[in-house]
PDB file of N, CA and C in Angstrom:
ATOM      1  N   MET A   1     -84.292  47.798 165.280  1.00  0.00           N
ATOM      2  CA  MET A   1     -83.926  47.487 166.552  1.00  0.00           C
ATOM      3  C   MET A   1     -84.254  46.304 166.836  1.00  0.00           C
ATOM      4  N   SER A   2     -83.380  45.416 167.436  1.00  0.00           N
ATOM      5  CA  SER A   2     -83.342  44.074 167.836  1.00  0.00           C
ATOM      6  C   SER A   2     -84.510  43.731 168.924  1.00  0.00           C
ATOM      7  N   GLU A   3     -84.785  42.168 169.158  1.00  0.00           N
ATOM      8  CA  GLU A   3     -85.795  41.699 169.919  1.00  0.00           C
ATOM      9  C   GLU A   3     -84.397  41.518 171.143  1.00  0.00           C
ATOM     10  N   HIS A   4     -85.032  42.241 171.957  1.00  0.00           N
ATOM     11  CA  HIS A   4     -84.656  41.439 173.513  1.00  0.00           C
ATOM     12  C   HIS A   4     -85.155  40.470 174.298  1.00  0.00           C
ATOM     13  N   THR A   5     -84.162  39.777 175.236  1.00  0.00           N
ATOM     14  CA  THR A   5     -84.084  38.261 175.294  1.00  0.00           C
ATOM     15  C   THR A   5     -85.425  38.931 176.443  1.00  0.00           C
ATOM     16  N   GLU A   6     -85.468  37.522 177.599  1.00  0.00           N
ATOM     17  CA  GLU A   6     -86.475  37.872 178.331  1.00  0.00           C
ATOM     18  C   GLU A   6     -85.781  37.538 180.058  1.00  0.00           C
ATOM     19  N   ALA A   7     -84.430  37.444 179.874  1.00  0.00           N
ATOM     20  CA  ALA A   7     -83.492  37.522 180.728  1.00  0.00           C
ATOM     21  C   ALA A   7     -83.500  38.399 182.208  1.00  0.00           C
ATOM     22  N   ASP A   8     -83.604  40.025 181.171  1.00  0.00           N
ATOM     23  CA  ASP A   8     -83.883  40.966 181.936  1.00  0.00           C
ATOM     24  C   ASP A   8     -84.901  41.537 182.062  1.00  0.00           C
ATOM     25  N   PRO A   9     -86.019  40.677 183.283  1.00  0.00           N
ATOM     26  CA  PRO A   9     -87.233  41.318 183.062  1.00  0.00           C
ATOM     27  C   PRO A   9     -87.600  42.689 183.741  1.00  0.00           C
ATOM     28  N   SER A  10     -88.644  43.280 184.062  1.00  0.00           N
ATOM     29  CA  SER A  10     -88.600  44.411 184.518  1.00  0.00           C
ATOM     30  C   SER A  10     -89.159  44.020 186.204  1.00  0.00           C
ATOM     31  N   PRO A  11     -88.674  44.955 187.103  1.00  0.00           N
ATOM     32  CA  PRO A  11     -88.520  44.487 188.470  1.00  0.00           C
ATOM     33  C   PRO A  11     -90.142  44.803 188.993  1.00  0.00           C
ATOM     34  N   TYR A  12     -90.980  45.169 187.950  1.00  0.00           N
ATOM     35  CA  TYR A  12     -92.206  45.325 188.467  1.00  0.00           C
ATOM     36  C   TYR A  12     -93.100  43.911 187.475  1.00  0.00           C
ATOM     37  N   ALA A  13     -92.379  43.350 187.261  1.00  0.00           N
ATOM     38  CA  ALA A  13     -92.725  42.194 186.592  1.00  0.00           C
ATOM     39  C   ALA A  13     -94.021  41.544 187.253  1.00  0.00           C
ATOM     40  N   ASP A  14     -94.119  41.095 188.479  1.00  0.00           N
ATOM     41  CA  ASP A  14     -95.279  40.657 189.000  1.00  0.00           C
ATOM     42  C   ASP A  14     -96.338  41.802 189.701  1.00  0.00           C
ATOM     43  N   VAL A  15     -96.386  42.961 189.575  1.00  0.00           N
ATOM     44  CA  VAL A  15     -97.248  43.787 190.175  1.00  0.00           C
ATOM     45  C   VAL A  15     -98.395  43.814 188.909  1.00  0.00           C
ATOM     46  N   PRO A  16     -99.291  43.772 189.149  1.00  0.00           N
ATOM     47  CA  PRO A  16    -100.630  43.790 188.061  1.00  0.00           C
ATOM     48  C   PRO A  16    -101.135  45.426 187.639  1.00  0.00           C
ATOM     49  N   THR A  17    -100.923  45.493 186.486  1.00  0.00           N
ATOM     50  CA  THR A  17    -101.036  47.048 185.838  1.00  0.00           C
ATOM     51  C   THR A  17    -102.496  46.796 185.035  1.00  0.00           C
ATOM     52  N   PRO A  18    -103.070  47.971 184.983  1.00  0.00           N
ATOM     53  CA  PRO A  18    -104.095  48.066 184.314  1.00  0.00           C
ATOM     54  C   PRO A  18    -104.369  47.683 182.905  1.00  0.00           C
ATOM     55  N   TYR A  19    -103.113  47.729 182.252  1.00  0.00           N
ATOM     56  CA  TYR A  19    -103.078  46.988 180.938  1.00  0.00           C
ATOM     57  C   TYR A  19    -102.933  45.552 181.051  1.00  0.00           C
ATOM     58  N   ALA A  20    -102.776  44.833 181.957  1.00  0.00           N
ATOM     59  CA  ALA A  20    -102.330  43.121 182.159  1.00  0.00           C
ATOM     60  C   ALA A  20    -103.219  42.378 181.394  1.00  0.00           C
ATOM     61  N   ASP A  21    -104.741  42.735 181.081  1.00  0.00           N
ATOM     62  CA  ASP A  21    -105.553  42.027 180.075  1.00  0.00           C
ATOM     63  C   ASP A  21    -105.088  42.345 178.664  1.00  0.00           C
ATOM     64  N   VAL A  22    -104.678  43.288 178.417  1.00  0.00           N
ATOM     65  CA  VAL A  22    -104.040  44.215 177.152  1.00  0.00           C
ATOM     66  C   VAL A  22    -102.992  43.281 176.553  1.00  0.00           C
ATOM     67  N   GLU A  23    -101.697  43.581 177.503  1.00  0.00           N
ATOM     68  CA  GLU A  23    -100.355  42.662 177.383  1.00  0.00           C
ATOM     69  C   GLU A  23    -100.659  41.211 177.251  1.00  0.00           C
ATOM     70  N   THR A  24    -101.565  40.313 177.960  1.00  0.00           N
ATOM     71  CA  THR A  24    -101.789  39.073 178.027  1.00  0.00           C
ATOM     72  C   THR A  24    -102.328  39.147 176.244  1.00  0.00           C
ATOM     73  N   THR A  25    -103.186  39.653 175.683  1.00  0.00           N
ATOM     74  CA  THR A  25    -104.264  39.615 174.737  1.00  0.00           C
ATOM     75  C   THR A  25    -103.285  39.752 173.691  1.00  0.00           C
ATOM     76  N   LEU A  26    -102.660  41.002 173.906  1.00  0.00           N
ATOM     77  CA  LEU A  26    -101.571  40.957 172.550  1.00  0.00           C
ATOM     78  C   LEU A  26    -100.023  39.946 172.845  1.00  0.00           C
ATOM     79  N   ARG A  27     -99.855  39.974 173.793  1.00  0.00           N
ATOM     80  CA  ARG A  27     -98.787  38.553 173.638  1.00  0.00           C
ATOM     81  C   ARG A  27     -99.114  37.542 172.854  1.00  0.00           C
ATOM     82  N   ASP A  28    -100.477  37.246 173.190  1.00  0.00           N
ATOM     83  CA  ASP A  28    -100.777  35.811 172.576  1.00  0.00           C
ATOM     84  C   ASP A  28    -101.450  36.374 170.536  1.00  0.00           C
ATOM     85  N   GLU A  29    -101.704  37.181 170.620  1.00  0.00           N
ATOM     86  CA  GLU A  29    -101.502  37.725 169.175  1.00  0.00           C
ATOM     87  C   GLU A  29    -100.576  37.525 168.540  1.00  0.00           C
ATOM     88  N   PHE A  30     -99.492  38.080 169.140  1.00  0.00           N
ATOM     89  CA  PHE A  30     -98.538  38.445 168.273  1.00  0.00           C
ATOM     90  C   PHE A  30     -96.939  37.300 168.942  1.00  0.00           C
ATOM     91  N   ALA A  31     -97.661  36.070 169.226  1.00  0.00           N
ATOM     92  CA  ALA A  31     -96.519  34.906 169.687  1.00  0.00           C
ATOM     93  C   ALA A  31     -96.146  34.687 168.163  1.00  0.00           C
ATOM     94  N   GLY A  32     -94.797  34.371 168.589  1.00  0.00           N
ATOM     95  CA  GLY A  32     -94.095  34.072 167.704  1.00  0.00           C
ATOM     96  C   GLY A  32     -93.515  34.920 166.790  1.00  0.00           C
ATOM     97  N   VAL A  33     -93.937  36.047 166.943  1.00  0.00           N
ATOM     98  CA  VAL A  33     -93.341  37.593 166.188  1.00  0.00           C
ATOM     99  C   VAL A  33     -92.611  38.421 166.798  1.00  0.00           C
ATOM    100  N   HIS A  34     -93.225  38.527 168.100  1.00  0.00           N
ATOM    101  CA  HIS A  34     -92.519  39.345 168.918  1.00  0.00           C
ATOM    102  C   HIS A  34     -92.430  39.232 170.389  1.00  0.00           C
ATOM    103  N   SER A  35     -91.493  39.232 171.115  1.00  0.00           N
ATOM    104  CA  SER A  35     -91.169  38.642 172.569  1.00  0.00           C
ATOM    105  C   SER A  35     -92.111  39.592 173.412  1.00  0.00           C
ATOM    106  N   ALA A  36     -92.274  38.574 174.340  1.00  0.00           N
ATOM    107  CA  ALA A  36     -93.311  39.266 175.568  1.00  0.00           C
ATOM    108  C   ALA A  36     -92.568  40.491 176.048  1.00  0.00           C
ATOM    109  N   THR A  37     -91.202  41.050 175.974  1.00  0.00           N
ATOM    110  CA  THR A  37     -90.796  41.746 176.735  1.00  0.00           C
ATOM    111  C   THR A  37     -90.860  43.248 175.567  1.00  0.00           C
ATOM    112  N   THR A  38     -90.912  42.830 173.882  1.00  0.00           N
ATOM    113  CA  THR A  38     -91.409  43.451 173.239  1.00  0.00           C
ATOM    114  C   THR A  38     -92.774  44.082 173.397  1.00  0.00           C
ATOM    115  N   VAL A  39     -93.611  43.321 173.633  1.00  0.00           N
ATOM    116  CA  VAL A  39     -95.100  43.691 173.668  1.00  0.00           C
ATOM    117  C   VAL A  39     -94.912  44.730 175.234  1.00  0.00           C
ATOM    118  N   THR A  40     -94.820  44.182 176.184  1.00  0.00           N
ATOM    119  CA  THR A  40     -94.716  45.170 177.190  1.00  0.00           C
ATOM    120  C   THR A  40     -94.454  46.692 177.114  1.00  0.00           C
ATOM    121  N   ARG A  41     -92.864  46.725 176.080  1.00  0.00           N
ATOM    122  CA  ARG A  41     -92.536  48.265 175.881  1.00  0.00           C
ATOM    123  C   ARG A  41     -93.820  48.621 175.200  1.00  0.00           C
ATOM    124  N   CYS A  42     -94.116  47.836 173.965  1.00  0.00           N
ATOM    125  CA  CYS A  42     -95.101  48.592 172.953  1.00  0.00           C
ATOM    126  C   CYS A  42     -96.618  49.544 173.989  1.00  0.00           C
ATOM    127  N   VAL A  43     -97.002  48.229 174.864  1.00  0.00           N
ATOM    128  CA  VAL A  43     -98.053  48.742 175.806  1.00  0.00           C
ATOM    129  C   VAL A  43     -97.412  49.652 176.930  1.00  0.00           C
ATOM    130  N   GLU A  44     -96.542  50.236 177.172  1.00  0.00           N
ATOM    131  CA  GLU A  44     -95.969  51.128 178.159  1.00  0.00           C
ATOM    132  C   GLU A  44     -96.082  52.413 177.238  1.00  0.00           C
ATOM    133  N   ALA A  45     -95.103  52.128 175.882  1.00  0.00           N
ATOM    134  CA  ALA A  45     -95.662  53.600 175.046  1.00  0.00           C
ATOM    135  C   ALA A  45     -96.647  54.102 174.537  1.00  0.00           C
ATOM    136  N   ALA A  46     -97.601  52.949 174.451  1.00  0.00           N
ATOM    137  CA  ALA A  46     -98.590  53.376 174.015  1.00  0.00           C
ATOM    138  C   ALA A  46     -99.587  54.306 174.925  1.00  0.00           C
ATOM    139  N   HIS A  47     -98.934  53.685 176.293  1.00  0.00           N
ATOM    140  CA  HIS A  47     -99.735  54.256 177.639  1.00  0.00           C
ATOM    141  C   HIS A  47     -98.962  55.895 177.848  1.00  0.00           C
ATOM    142  N   TYR A  48     -97.788  56.209 177.733  1.00  0.00           N
ATOM    143  CA  TYR A  48     -97.423  57.078 177.876  1.00  0.00           C
ATOM    144  C   TYR A  48     -97.896  57.779 176.838  1.00  0.00           C
ATOM    145  N   GLY A  49     -98.089  57.616 175.734  1.00  0.00           N
ATOM    146  CA  GLY A  49     -98.138  58.427 174.409  1.00  0.00           C
ATOM    147  C   GLY A  49     -99.952  59.089 174.729  1.00  0.00           C
ATOM    148  N   ALA A  50    -100.639  57.931 175.054  1.00  0.00           N
ATOM    149  CA  ALA A  50    -101.971  58.362 174.922  1.00  0.00           C
ATOM    150  C   ALA A  50    -101.937  59.419 176.310  1.00  0.00           C
ATOM    151  N   LEU A  51    -101.502  59.069 177.207  1.00  0.00           N
ATOM    152  CA  LEU A  51    -101.354  60.262 178.283  1.00  0.00           C
ATOM    153  C   LEU A  51    -101.596  61.551 177.691  1.00  0.00           C
ATOM    154  N   GLU A  52     -99.952  61.299 177.019  1.00  0.00           N
ATOM    155  CA  GLU A  52     -99.479  62.630 176.986  1.00  0.00           C
ATOM    156  C   GLU A  52    -100.481  63.714 175.513  1.00  0.00           C
ATOM    157  N   VAL A  53    -100.982  63.176 174.986  1.00  0.00           N
ATOM    158  CA  VAL A  53    -101.892  63.491 173.535  1.00  0.00           C
ATOM    159  C   VAL A  53    -103.331  63.938 174.132  1.00  0.00           C
ATOM    160  N   THR A  54    -103.654  63.474 174.948  1.00  0.00           N
ATOM    161  CA  THR A  54    -105.347  63.066 175.237  1.00  0.00           C
ATOM    162  C   THR A  54    -105.588  63.535 177.319  1.00  0.00           C
ATOM    163  N   GLY A  55    -104.353  62.921 178.090  1.00  0.00           N
ATOM    164  CA  GLY A  55    -104.573  63.379 179.450  1.00  0.00           C
ATOM    165  C   GLY A  55    -105.203  61.974 180.238  1.00  0.00           C
ATOM    166  N   TYR A  56    -105.289  61.003 179.348  1.00  0.00           N
ATOM    167  CA  TYR A  56    -105.634  59.399 179.780  1.00  0.00           C
ATOM    168  C   TYR A  56    -105.153  58.635 179.085  1.00  0.00           C
ATOM    169  N   ALA A  57    -105.378  57.598 179.286  1.00  0.00           N
ATOM    170  CA  ALA A  57    -104.949  56.395 179.064  1.00  0.00           C
ATOM    171  C   ALA A  57    -106.328  55.070 178.784  1.00  0.00           C
ATOM    172  N   HIS A  58    -107.346  55.357 178.243  1.00  0.00           N
ATOM    173  CA  HIS A  58    -108.363  54.292 178.748  1.00  0.00           C
ATOM    174  C   HIS A  58    -107.749  52.562 177.899  1.00  0.00           C
ATOM    175  N   PRO A  59    -107.692  51.587 178.774  1.00  0.00           N
ATOM    176  CA  PRO A  59    -107.143  50.671 177.745  1.00  0.00           C
ATOM    177  C   PRO A  59    -107.547  50.279 177.354  1.00  0.00           C
ATOM    178  N   SER A  60    -108.116  50.436 176.128  1.00  0.00           N
ATOM    179  CA  SER A  60    -109.165  50.019 174.888  1.00  0.00           C
ATOM    180  C   SER A  60    -108.440  50.673 173.738  1.00  0.00           C
ATOM    181  N   LEU A  61    -107.630  52.013 174.754  1.00  0.00           N
ATOM    182  CA  LEU A  61    -107.096  52.985 173.614  1.00  0.00           C
ATOM    183  C   LEU A  61    -105.642  52.665 173.772  1.00  0.00           C
ATOM    184  N   VAL A  62    -104.686  52.215 174.912  1.00  0.00           N
ATOM    185  CA  VAL A  62    -103.880  51.728 174.958  1.00  0.00           C
ATOM    186  C   VAL A  62    -103.316  50.391 173.838  1.00  0.00           C
ATOM    187  N   GLU A  63    -104.315  49.789 174.031  1.00  0.00           N
ATOM    188  CA  GLU A  63    -104.215  48.444 173.549  1.00  0.00           C
ATOM    189  C   GLU A  63    -104.659  48.723 171.426  1.00  0.00           C
ATOM    190  N   ARG A  64    -105.212  49.533 170.979  1.00  0.00           N
ATOM    191  CA  ARG A  64    -105.118  49.703 169.978  1.00  0.00           C
ATOM    192  C   ARG A  64    -103.827  50.470 169.541  1.00  0.00           C
ATOM    193  N   ILE A  65    -103.782  51.274 170.497  1.00  0.00           N
ATOM    194  CA  ILE A  65    -102.231  51.828 169.599  1.00  0.00           C
ATOM    195  C   ILE A  65    -100.804  50.718 170.010  1.00  0.00           C
ATOM    196  N   ALA A  66    -100.964  49.657 170.762  1.00  0.00           N
ATOM    197  CA  ALA A  66    -100.158  49.447 170.993  1.00  0.00           C
ATOM    198  C   ALA A  66     -99.996  48.026 169.747  1.00  0.00           C
ATOM    199  N   ARG A  67    -100.827  47.939 169.297  1.00  0.00           N
ATOM    200  CA  ARG A  67    -100.985  46.689 168.362  1.00  0.00           C
ATOM    201  C   ARG A  67    -100.795  47.344 166.621  1.00  0.00           C
ATOM    202  N   LYS A  68    -100.905  48.885 167.045  1.00  0.00           N
ATOM    203  CA  LYS A  68    -100.584  49.839 165.473  1.00  0.00           C
ATOM    204  C   LYS A  68     -99.062  49.313 165.837  1.00  0.00           C
ATOM    205  N   HIS A  69     -98.836  49.576 166.907  1.00  0.00           N
ATOM    206  CA  HIS A  69     -96.884  49.660 167.050  1.00  0.00           C
ATOM    207  C   HIS A  69     -96.249  48.296 166.684  1.00  0.00           C
ATOM    208  N   LEU A  70     -97.157  46.951 167.275  1.00  0.00           N
ATOM    209  CA  LEU A  70     -96.543  46.349 166.937  1.00  0.00           C
ATOM    210  C   LEU A  70     -96.678  45.647 165.626  1.00  0.00           C
ATOM    211  N   HIS A  71     -97.939  46.154 164.853  1.00  0.00           N
ATOM    212  CA  HIS A  71     -98.062  46.067 163.196  1.00  0.00           C
ATOM    213  C   HIS A  71     -96.535  46.287 162.578  1.00  0.00           C
ATOM    214  N   VAL A  72     -96.513  47.347 163.005  1.00  0.00           N
ATOM    215  CA  VAL A  72     -95.361  48.411 162.297  1.00  0.00           C
ATOM    216  C   VAL A  72     -94.068  47.454 162.795  1.00  0.00           C
ATOM    217  N   LEU A  73     -93.840  47.010 164.031  1.00  0.00           N
ATOM    218  CA  LEU A  73     -92.511  46.782 163.818  1.00  0.00           C
ATOM    219  C   LEU A  73     -92.132  45.259 163.316  1.00  0.00           C
ATOM    220  N   ALA A  74     -93.538  44.410 162.686  1.00  0.00           N
ATOM    221  CA  ALA A  74     -93.284  43.617 162.032  1.00  0.00           C
ATOM    222  C   ALA A  74     -92.630  43.436 160.916  1.00  0.00           C
ATOM    223  N   LEU A  75     -93.890  44.491 160.431  1.00  0.00           N
ATOM    224  CA  LEU A  75     -93.831  44.976 158.907  1.00  0.00           C
ATOM    225  C   LEU A  75     -92.543  45.370 158.713  1.00  0.00           C
ATOM    226  N   VAL A  76     -91.353  45.913 159.504  1.00  0.00           N
ATOM    227  CA  VAL A  76     -90.060  46.750 159.948  1.00  0.00           C
ATOM    228  C   VAL A  76     -89.233  45.394 159.714  1.00  0.00           C
ATOM    229  N   ALA A  77     -89.558  44.480 160.023  1.00  0.00           N
ATOM    230  CA  ALA A  77     -88.628  43.093 160.683  1.00  0.00           C
ATOM    231  C   ALA A  77     -88.873  42.266 158.909  1.00  0.00           C
ATOM    232  N   SER A  78     -89.810  42.202 158.772  1.00  0.00           N
ATOM    233  CA  SER A  78     -90.136  41.631 157.466  1.00  0.00           C
ATOM    234  C   SER A  78     -89.587  41.824 156.371  1.00  0.00           C
ATOM    235  N   GLU A  79     -89.167  43.233 156.153  1.00  0.00           N
ATOM    236  CA  GLU A  79     -88.918  43.768 155.072  1.00  0.00           C
ATOM    237  C   GLU A  79     -87.450  43.778 154.665  1.00  0.00           C
ATOM    238  N   ARG A  80     -87.130  43.920 156.497  1.00  0.00           N
ATOM    239  CA  ARG A  80     -85.584  43.481 156.591  1.00  0.00           C
ATOM    240  C   ARG A  80     -85.008  42.214 155.968  1.00  0.00           C
ATOM    241  N   GLY A  81     -85.787  41.429 156.113  1.00  0.00           N
ATOM    242  CA  GLY A  81     -85.501  39.835 155.586  1.00  0.00           C
ATOM    243  C   GLY A  81     -85.449  39.164 156.619  1.00  0.00           C
TER     244      GLY A  81
END
């Protein structure tokens, strides 16, 4: 999976979400590793995954899931060279 550019932002980029702080934290943590778009997509995927499995997506759960996704993506990218 390749990194996407920031040229195609979400139409909802300016709308605050319950996960805005989570995205900010993870963007800072993974700066230089993943783009902001990748972080946002992982947070969104974590949100929907948590809803599917538990019926609720608390920000701390979403953050933990998204962080794991981002670590795995970084590992795969490093293995590719």
